[in-house]
Amino acid sequence: MSPGETLDPLPDTLILQPPVFHPSPRCPGQALSLGKGKTGLQLWGARASRREEPATRHPGSRPAKEQTSHASSEHGVPRSFLQSYMDGFFPLVQLVPYVTTIFGGLRAGKMVTLQGVVPLGARRFQVDFQCGCSLHPRPDIAIHFNPRFHTTKPHVICNTLHGGQWQAEARWPRLALQRGASFLLLFLFGNEEMKVSVNGRHFLHYAYRLPLSRVDTLGIYGDILVTAVGFLNINPFVEGGSEYPVGHPFLLESPRLEVPCSRALPRGLWPGQVIIVRGLVLPEPKDFTLSLRDEAAHVPVMLRASFADRTLAWVSRWGQKKLILAPFVFYPQRFFEVLLLCQEGGLKLALNGQGLGATSLGQQALEQLRELRISGSVQLYCVHY
């Protein structure tokens, strides 16, 4: 950090959002709500509502009323942006802080895209590729991308936080982002460095100082409106593949996703079919169970996560456990993704983008499955097959 500069504040409470895989345009009749969150804007789709909590901002930042101009709304958001949203040209806007699991982690060849708008009164924002999601102690940050607009000469800082200590910062004097303008950021991860492009033009590159394999969390903080976050994923089931199961919309607070959740499988399962379950682990979890039942209500397939001993296991219909030897990646208040790929002879499992082997089951038994049931200490956002 430069002399006299302070660390960007880390909020005491993070607003966890589901990651957006394929954002879609706003549906007709969807409501717009201007609230008083960190960015001054909240768009929650059909469930949009005004919030009453007081505004929060960086220390030293100006009150919202001083950030207005003839070209902005009362919240410092460009009127052109609001009009574009009302005309249906923007997907949902996410409130920051925005923190989400990077399913599958980061590796060479992966790309993260970020679309958004810089408010007219923006001072700074940051995109952190983190090694964990804890608040205390603060996790290592492999890559800290930090545009700053409030200085005499706007610039971008990149740095790495290791063991609570910032390393030597790298500074780019030209800022390709502008207040009041929309943008598209692309983060492309290579073997030795990350490259960043802004609106289709190369902007900077930053050499890794911590192993890329440690990164599992994306955090976005500060003065920014996020319209879409996307990941170019690697297929966890096929070595070297580039395709990934299609992302389906998250159904926030849908009655059909209340836990325990049951889904009919009228034709059973067949080779090539993928079951996708995405959700959020509750604050004080006990267990999580995904089971497949046949016509006789037998349970030939059960996947169980136990938070007491932090184990993940297949459980047979006779109650026998077969532990899955892999790191336990279910964390309280963190998002998760379970993928089950049906193939001849059984089911392949991937958790948060990491392939974890398979369980054996004959084709006849797969075809006789009639129900998918999910229970436990989770809130579901997507169940698809």
Protein backbone atom coordinates (compact mmCIF):
# COMPACT_ATOMS: atom_id res chain seq x y z
CA MET A 1 0.00 0.00 0.00
CA SER A 2 1.11 3.57 -0.59
CA PRO A 3 1.96 5.79 2.40
CA GLY A 4 -1.15 7.29 3.92
CA GLU A 5 -3.53 4.80 2.26
CA THR A 6 -5.67 2.42 4.27
CA LEU A 7 -6.99 -1.03 3.48
CA ASP A 8 -10.36 -1.24 1.82
CA PRO A 9 -12.84 -1.94 4.63
CA LEU A 10 -14.12 -5.49 4.94
CA PRO A 11 -17.83 -5.46 5.79
CA ASP A 12 -18.90 -7.16 9.02
CA THR A 13 -21.73 -8.96 7.26
CA LEU A 14 -21.64 -10.19 3.69
CA ILE A 15 -24.70 -10.45 1.51
CA LEU A 16 -24.30 -13.82 -0.17
CA GLN A 17 -25.78 -14.08 -3.65
CA PRO A 18 -26.19 -17.10 -5.92
CA PRO A 19 -23.69 -16.96 -8.79
CA VAL A 20 -25.23 -15.89 -12.10
CA PHE A 21 -24.43 -18.37 -14.88
CA HIS A 22 -26.75 -17.27 -17.67
CA PRO A 23 -28.43 -13.97 -16.75
CA SER A 24 -31.60 -13.29 -18.72
CA PRO A 25 -33.28 -9.99 -19.62
CA ARG A 26 -35.81 -8.57 -17.23
CA CYS A 27 -39.27 -10.04 -17.68
CA PRO A 28 -42.22 -7.75 -18.45
CA GLY A 29 -43.82 -6.45 -15.31
CA GLN A 30 -40.74 -7.01 -13.15
CA ALA A 31 -40.46 -4.36 -10.45
CA LEU A 32 -37.64 -1.90 -9.94
CA SER A 33 -36.70 -0.86 -6.41
CA LEU A 34 -34.27 1.86 -5.43
CA GLY A 35 -33.07 1.07 -1.92
CA LYS A 36 -30.33 2.32 0.36
CA GLY A 37 -27.77 -0.45 0.16
CA LYS A 38 -24.07 0.04 -0.31
CA THR A 39 -24.38 1.02 -3.96
CA GLY A 40 -27.72 2.78 -3.59
CA LEU A 41 -29.49 0.38 -5.95
CA GLN A 42 -31.32 -2.88 -5.38
CA LEU A 43 -33.05 -4.87 -8.07
CA TRP A 44 -34.66 -8.05 -6.82
CA GLY A 45 -36.91 -8.96 -9.74
CA ALA A 46 -40.56 -9.58 -9.01
CA ARG A 47 -39.86 -9.58 -5.27
CA ALA A 48 -38.21 -6.16 -5.29
CA SER A 49 -38.95 -4.05 -2.22
CA ARG A 50 -37.59 -0.99 -0.48
CA ARG A 51 -35.25 -1.74 2.40
CA GLU A 52 -35.11 0.39 5.52
CA GLU A 53 -31.62 -0.28 6.82
CA PRO A 54 -29.28 2.75 6.89
CA ALA A 55 -26.84 3.29 4.07
CA THR A 56 -23.26 2.09 4.44
CA ARG A 57 -20.28 3.59 2.65
CA HIS A 58 -16.52 3.75 2.72
CA PRO A 59 -15.05 5.99 5.42
CA GLY A 60 -14.63 9.48 4.02
CA SER A 61 -17.01 9.00 1.12
CA ARG A 62 -19.54 11.72 0.42
CA PRO A 63 -23.22 11.35 1.30
CA ALA A 64 -25.44 10.25 -1.55
CA LYS A 65 -27.01 13.69 -1.93
CA GLU A 66 -23.60 15.15 -2.82
CA GLN A 67 -23.08 12.55 -5.53
CA THR A 68 -26.05 13.57 -7.62
CA SER A 69 -25.97 15.54 -10.85
CA HIS A 70 -28.34 16.57 -13.59
CA ALA A 71 -27.55 13.30 -15.40
CA SER A 72 -28.07 10.99 -12.43
CA SER A 73 -30.86 9.72 -10.26
CA GLU A 74 -31.10 10.65 -6.60
CA HIS A 75 -28.96 7.59 -5.87
CA GLY A 76 -26.03 8.58 -8.08
CA VAL A 77 -26.95 6.03 -10.75
CA PRO A 78 -26.89 7.24 -14.39
CA ARG A 79 -30.41 7.89 -15.64
CA SER A 80 -29.43 6.29 -18.95
CA PHE A 81 -28.72 3.08 -17.05
CA LEU A 82 -32.05 3.18 -15.26
CA GLN A 83 -33.89 3.85 -18.51
CA SER A 84 -32.05 0.98 -20.20
CA TYR A 85 -33.03 -1.30 -17.33
CA MET A 86 -36.65 -0.22 -17.48
CA ASP A 87 -36.59 -0.90 -21.24
CA GLY A 88 -35.49 -4.46 -20.47
CA PHE A 89 -31.90 -4.33 -21.73
CA PHE A 90 -30.18 -5.26 -18.46
CA PRO A 91 -30.38 -8.46 -16.42
CA LEU A 92 -30.77 -8.39 -12.65
CA VAL A 93 -28.44 -6.12 -10.71
CA GLN A 94 -26.76 -7.66 -7.69
CA LEU A 95 -26.16 -5.84 -4.43
CA VAL A 96 -22.56 -5.73 -3.23
CA PRO A 97 -20.75 -7.07 -1.29
CA TYR A 98 -21.17 -10.03 -3.65
CA VAL A 99 -19.38 -13.20 -2.51
CA THR A 100 -19.71 -16.57 -4.21
CA THR A 101 -18.00 -19.91 -4.57
CA ILE A 102 -16.05 -20.41 -7.79
CA PHE A 103 -17.33 -23.86 -8.72
CA GLY A 104 -14.36 -25.96 -9.79
CA GLY A 105 -11.85 -23.39 -8.52
CA LEU A 106 -9.44 -21.56 -10.80
CA ARG A 107 -6.99 -23.10 -13.22
CA ALA A 108 -5.14 -22.12 -16.36
CA GLY A 109 -7.56 -21.53 -19.21
CA LYS A 110 -10.49 -20.49 -17.06
CA MET A 111 -12.18 -17.10 -17.56
CA VAL A 112 -14.37 -14.99 -15.30
CA THR A 113 -16.56 -12.24 -16.76
CA LEU A 114 -17.99 -9.28 -14.87
CA GLN A 115 -20.51 -6.84 -16.32
CA GLY A 116 -21.66 -3.76 -14.46
CA VAL A 117 -21.90 -0.02 -14.11
CA VAL A 118 -19.66 2.42 -12.22
CA PRO A 119 -21.88 4.87 -10.26
CA LEU A 120 -21.24 8.57 -10.87
CA GLY A 121 -20.08 9.08 -7.29
CA ALA A 122 -17.84 6.00 -7.15
CA ARG A 123 -14.62 6.19 -5.18
CA ARG A 124 -13.29 2.66 -5.60
CA PHE A 125 -14.29 -0.95 -5.96
CA GLN A 126 -12.41 -4.24 -5.80
CA VAL A 127 -12.60 -7.70 -7.27
CA ASP A 128 -10.84 -10.25 -5.05
CA PHE A 129 -9.96 -13.82 -5.97
CA GLN A 130 -9.79 -15.25 -2.47
CA CYS A 131 -8.36 -18.38 -0.86
CA GLY A 132 -11.39 -19.03 1.33
CA CYS A 133 -14.40 -17.13 2.59
CA SER A 134 -13.84 -16.52 6.31
CA LEU A 135 -14.22 -13.08 7.86
CA HIS A 136 -11.89 -13.69 10.82
CA PRO A 137 -9.14 -14.32 10.08
CA ARG A 138 -9.23 -12.58 6.74
CA PRO A 139 -8.44 -15.08 3.97
CA ASP A 140 -5.46 -14.78 1.68
CA ILE A 141 -6.24 -12.88 -1.52
CA ALA A 142 -4.32 -14.26 -4.48
CA ILE A 143 -5.41 -11.43 -6.79
CA HIS A 144 -6.75 -8.04 -5.64
CA PHE A 145 -8.00 -5.90 -8.57
CA ASN A 146 -8.77 -2.40 -7.28
CA PRO A 147 -9.80 0.53 -9.55
CA ARG A 148 -9.68 3.88 -7.73
CA PHE A 149 -11.52 6.92 -9.04
CA HIS A 150 -11.24 9.41 -6.18
CA THR A 151 -7.56 10.32 -6.54
CA THR A 152 -6.11 13.15 -8.61
CA LYS A 153 -4.99 10.59 -11.17
CA PRO A 154 -7.41 7.62 -11.24
CA HIS A 155 -5.57 4.30 -11.41
CA VAL A 156 -5.77 0.55 -10.80
CA ILE A 157 -3.94 -1.36 -8.07
CA CYS A 158 -3.25 -5.09 -8.16
CA ASN A 159 -1.82 -6.83 -5.14
CA THR A 160 -1.72 -10.03 -3.09
CA LEU A 161 -2.63 -10.46 0.58
CA HIS A 162 -0.72 -13.29 2.26
CA GLY A 163 -0.84 -14.06 5.98
CA GLY A 164 -2.59 -10.74 6.66
CA GLN A 165 0.16 -8.74 4.95
CA TRP A 166 -0.08 -6.92 1.63
CA GLN A 167 2.82 -7.46 -0.73
CA ALA A 168 4.33 -4.86 -3.06
CA GLU A 169 1.53 -3.31 -5.08
CA ALA A 170 1.49 -3.06 -8.87
CA ARG A 171 -0.03 0.17 -10.22
CA TRP A 172 -1.45 1.03 -13.63
CA PRO A 173 -1.81 4.82 -14.06
CA ARG A 174 -4.39 4.76 -16.82
CA LEU A 175 -7.91 3.80 -15.76
CA ALA A 176 -9.94 2.30 -18.58
CA LEU A 177 -13.16 2.52 -16.52
CA GLN A 178 -15.25 5.67 -16.21
CA ARG A 179 -17.74 6.92 -13.67
CA GLY A 180 -21.29 6.68 -14.95
CA ALA A 181 -20.41 4.15 -17.65
CA SER A 182 -21.13 0.47 -18.12
CA PHE A 183 -18.27 -2.01 -18.60
CA LEU A 184 -17.32 -5.59 -19.35
CA LEU A 185 -14.31 -7.02 -17.51
CA LEU A 186 -12.72 -10.30 -18.58
CA PHE A 187 -10.26 -12.06 -16.28
CA LEU A 188 -8.33 -14.71 -18.21
CA PHE A 189 -6.14 -17.04 -16.16
CA GLY A 190 -2.99 -18.42 -17.79
CA ASN A 191 -0.23 -20.66 -16.51
CA GLU A 192 1.79 -17.89 -14.86
CA GLU A 193 -0.30 -14.73 -14.95
CA MET A 194 -3.78 -13.25 -15.17
CA LYS A 195 -4.76 -10.98 -18.05
CA VAL A 196 -7.54 -8.41 -17.80
CA SER A 197 -9.41 -6.79 -20.66
CA VAL A 198 -11.85 -3.89 -20.36
CA ASN A 199 -14.62 -3.58 -22.94
CA GLY A 200 -12.79 -5.90 -25.31
CA ARG A 201 -9.34 -4.25 -25.07
CA HIS A 202 -6.34 -5.65 -23.20
CA PHE A 203 -5.66 -3.61 -20.08
CA LEU A 204 -3.14 -5.33 -17.78
CA HIS A 205 -1.49 -8.58 -16.78
CA TYR A 206 -0.51 -9.65 -13.27
CA ALA A 207 1.86 -12.48 -12.35
CA TYR A 208 0.67 -14.94 -9.69
CA ARG A 209 2.23 -14.69 -6.26
CA LEU A 210 0.13 -17.46 -4.69
CA PRO A 211 -0.84 -20.77 -6.35
CA LEU A 212 -3.94 -20.36 -8.50
CA SER A 213 -5.18 -23.72 -7.20
CA ARG A 214 -5.82 -22.16 -3.77
CA VAL A 215 -8.46 -19.76 -5.09
CA ASP A 216 -12.05 -20.88 -4.48
CA THR A 217 -14.02 -17.68 -3.79
CA LEU A 218 -14.88 -14.52 -5.73
CA GLY A 219 -15.56 -11.34 -3.75
CA ILE A 220 -16.78 -8.04 -5.20
CA TYR A 221 -16.89 -5.01 -2.90
CA GLY A 222 -17.23 -1.24 -3.08
CA ASP A 223 -18.86 1.26 -5.40
CA ILE A 224 -20.10 -0.89 -8.28
CA LEU A 225 -23.38 -2.15 -9.74
CA VAL A 226 -23.04 -5.77 -10.88
CA THR A 227 -25.33 -6.85 -13.71
CA ALA A 228 -23.78 -10.25 -14.45
CA VAL A 229 -21.05 -12.58 -13.23
CA GLY A 230 -20.12 -15.55 -15.38
CA PHE A 231 -17.66 -18.42 -15.34
CA LEU A 232 -16.23 -20.38 -18.25
CA ASN A 233 -16.09 -23.74 -16.53
CA ILE A 234 -14.29 -26.98 -17.14
CA ASN A 235 -16.36 -30.16 -17.41
CA PRO A 236 -15.73 -32.09 -14.16
CA PHE A 237 -16.63 -35.40 -15.80
CA VAL A 238 -14.53 -35.35 -19.00
CA GLU A 239 -10.79 -34.81 -18.89
CA GLY A 240 -9.90 -31.80 -21.01
CA GLY A 241 -13.52 -31.00 -21.85
CA SER A 242 -14.72 -27.42 -22.18
CA GLU A 243 -18.48 -27.87 -21.87
CA TYR A 244 -20.37 -27.69 -18.59
CA PRO A 245 -23.95 -28.56 -17.65
CA VAL A 246 -26.21 -25.70 -18.64
CA GLY A 247 -26.85 -23.18 -15.85
CA HIS A 248 -30.52 -22.93 -14.97
CA PRO A 249 -32.14 -19.90 -13.29
CA PHE A 250 -32.12 -19.75 -9.52
CA LEU A 251 -35.66 -19.81 -8.16
CA LEU A 252 -35.32 -17.62 -5.08
CA GLU A 253 -37.71 -18.63 -2.28
CA SER A 254 -39.73 -20.89 -4.58
CA PRO A 255 -42.30 -23.08 -2.76
CA ARG A 256 -41.27 -25.95 -5.04
CA LEU A 257 -37.78 -25.85 -3.53
CA GLU A 258 -38.72 -26.05 0.13
CA VAL A 259 -36.70 -28.66 2.04
CA PRO A 260 -37.38 -31.58 2.18
CA CYS A 261 -37.73 -31.41 -1.59
CA SER A 262 -39.10 -34.23 -3.74
CA ARG A 263 -39.01 -34.59 -7.54
CA ALA A 264 -40.65 -37.35 -9.59
CA LEU A 265 -38.54 -39.37 -12.05
CA PRO A 266 -41.33 -40.88 -14.20
CA ARG A 267 -38.89 -42.49 -16.65
CA GLY A 268 -36.05 -43.22 -14.28
CA LEU A 269 -32.52 -42.22 -15.26
CA TRP A 270 -30.70 -42.93 -18.48
CA PRO A 271 -27.07 -42.56 -19.67
CA GLY A 272 -26.07 -38.95 -20.27
CA GLN A 273 -28.65 -37.42 -17.93
CA VAL A 274 -27.30 -34.97 -15.34
CA ILE A 275 -28.94 -34.11 -12.03
CA ILE A 276 -28.04 -30.57 -10.93
CA VAL A 277 -28.62 -29.38 -7.35
CA ARG A 278 -27.47 -25.94 -6.23
CA GLY A 279 -28.12 -24.27 -2.92
CA LEU A 280 -26.86 -22.55 0.21
CA VAL A 281 -25.76 -24.28 3.43
CA LEU A 282 -27.58 -22.93 6.50
CA PRO A 283 -25.68 -21.15 9.33
CA GLU A 284 -25.71 -24.12 11.77
CA PRO A 285 -25.90 -27.21 9.56
CA LYS A 286 -26.25 -30.80 10.75
CA ASP A 287 -26.46 -32.88 7.57
CA PHE A 288 -27.40 -32.94 3.91
CA THR A 289 -28.90 -35.93 2.09
CA LEU A 290 -29.65 -36.59 -1.56
CA SER A 291 -31.41 -39.87 -2.24
CA LEU A 292 -32.85 -41.69 -5.24
CA ARG A 293 -35.80 -44.04 -4.58
CA ASP A 294 -37.34 -46.76 -6.74
CA GLU A 295 -40.95 -47.86 -7.23
CA ALA A 296 -40.88 -49.92 -4.02
CA ALA A 297 -39.60 -46.88 -2.04
CA HIS A 298 -36.22 -48.57 -1.64
CA VAL A 299 -33.19 -46.23 -1.62
CA PRO A 300 -30.48 -47.79 -3.81
CA VAL A 301 -28.58 -44.47 -4.01
CA MET A 302 -27.98 -42.03 -1.14
CA LEU A 303 -25.37 -39.30 -0.81
CA ARG A 304 -24.95 -37.96 2.73
CA ALA A 305 -22.84 -35.10 4.07
CA SER A 306 -22.33 -35.02 7.84
CA PHE A 307 -21.21 -31.69 9.28
CA ALA A 308 -20.45 -33.17 12.71
CA ASP A 309 -17.51 -35.25 11.48
CA ARG A 310 -17.12 -33.45 8.11
CA THR A 311 -17.53 -36.55 5.97
CA LEU A 312 -19.17 -37.24 2.63
CA ALA A 313 -20.33 -40.79 1.90
CA TRP A 314 -22.44 -43.04 -0.28
CA VAL A 315 -24.95 -44.98 1.82
CA SER A 316 -26.33 -48.29 0.57
CA ARG A 317 -29.94 -49.42 1.06
CA TRP A 318 -28.70 -51.56 3.95
CA GLY A 319 -27.09 -48.57 5.70
CA GLN A 320 -23.51 -49.37 4.80
CA LYS A 321 -21.32 -46.29 4.31
CA LYS A 322 -18.62 -45.85 1.69
CA LEU A 323 -16.64 -42.72 2.49
CA ILE A 324 -15.71 -40.43 -0.38
CA LEU A 325 -12.04 -39.56 0.10
CA ALA A 326 -12.04 -35.87 -0.80
CA PRO A 327 -11.83 -32.54 1.03
CA PHE A 328 -15.11 -31.63 2.72
CA VAL A 329 -16.24 -28.52 0.85
CA PHE A 330 -19.61 -27.84 2.48
CA TYR A 331 -19.34 -24.69 4.60
CA PRO A 332 -22.00 -22.81 6.57
CA GLN A 333 -23.53 -19.93 4.59
CA ARG A 334 -21.66 -20.94 1.44
CA PHE A 335 -23.07 -22.03 -1.89
CA PHE A 336 -22.66 -25.56 -3.18
CA GLU A 337 -23.31 -27.48 -6.36
CA VAL A 338 -23.88 -31.23 -6.68
CA LEU A 339 -23.80 -32.86 -10.12
CA LEU A 340 -24.73 -36.51 -10.73
CA LEU A 341 -24.01 -37.84 -14.21
CA CYS A 342 -25.85 -41.03 -15.16
CA GLN A 343 -23.79 -43.48 -17.17
CA GLU A 344 -23.91 -47.16 -17.92
CA GLY A 345 -23.07 -48.93 -14.69
CA GLY A 346 -23.74 -46.11 -12.22
CA LEU A 347 -23.54 -42.44 -11.34
CA LYS A 348 -20.57 -40.06 -11.43
CA LEU A 349 -20.39 -37.37 -8.77
CA ALA A 350 -18.99 -33.84 -8.93
CA LEU A 351 -19.12 -31.40 -6.03
CA ASN A 352 -18.41 -27.70 -6.63
CA GLY A 353 -16.96 -28.57 -10.02
CA GLN A 354 -14.59 -31.28 -8.76
CA GLY A 355 -15.08 -34.86 -9.95
CA LEU A 356 -15.29 -37.23 -6.95
CA GLY A 357 -15.60 -40.65 -8.55
CA ALA A 358 -18.67 -42.83 -9.04
CA THR A 359 -21.04 -45.28 -7.42
CA SER A 360 -22.08 -48.53 -9.14
CA LEU A 361 -25.68 -49.24 -10.11
CA GLY A 362 -27.06 -51.44 -12.87
CA GLN A 363 -28.93 -49.99 -15.82
CA GLN A 364 -32.16 -51.73 -14.83
CA ALA A 365 -31.94 -50.24 -11.34
CA LEU A 366 -31.34 -46.78 -12.84
CA GLU A 367 -34.41 -47.09 -15.06
CA GLN A 368 -36.54 -48.12 -12.06
CA LEU A 369 -35.75 -44.98 -10.05
CA ARG A 370 -38.86 -42.86 -9.53
CA GLU A 371 -38.03 -40.13 -7.02
CA LEU A 372 -35.27 -37.64 -6.21
CA ARG A 373 -35.41 -36.46 -2.60
CA ILE A 374 -33.28 -33.78 -0.93
CA SER A 375 -33.27 -32.99 2.78
CA GLY A 376 -31.08 -31.44 5.43
CA SER A 377 -29.65 -28.10 6.50
CA VAL A 378 -29.72 -26.36 3.15
CA GLN A 379 -31.70 -23.77 1.22
CA LEU A 380 -32.20 -24.85 -2.40
CA TYR A 381 -31.95 -22.53 -5.40
CA CYS A 382 -31.94 -24.94 -8.33
CA VAL A 383 -32.95 -28.58 -8.88
CA HIS A 384 -32.80 -29.75 -12.48
CA TYR A 385 -32.48 -33.05 -14.33
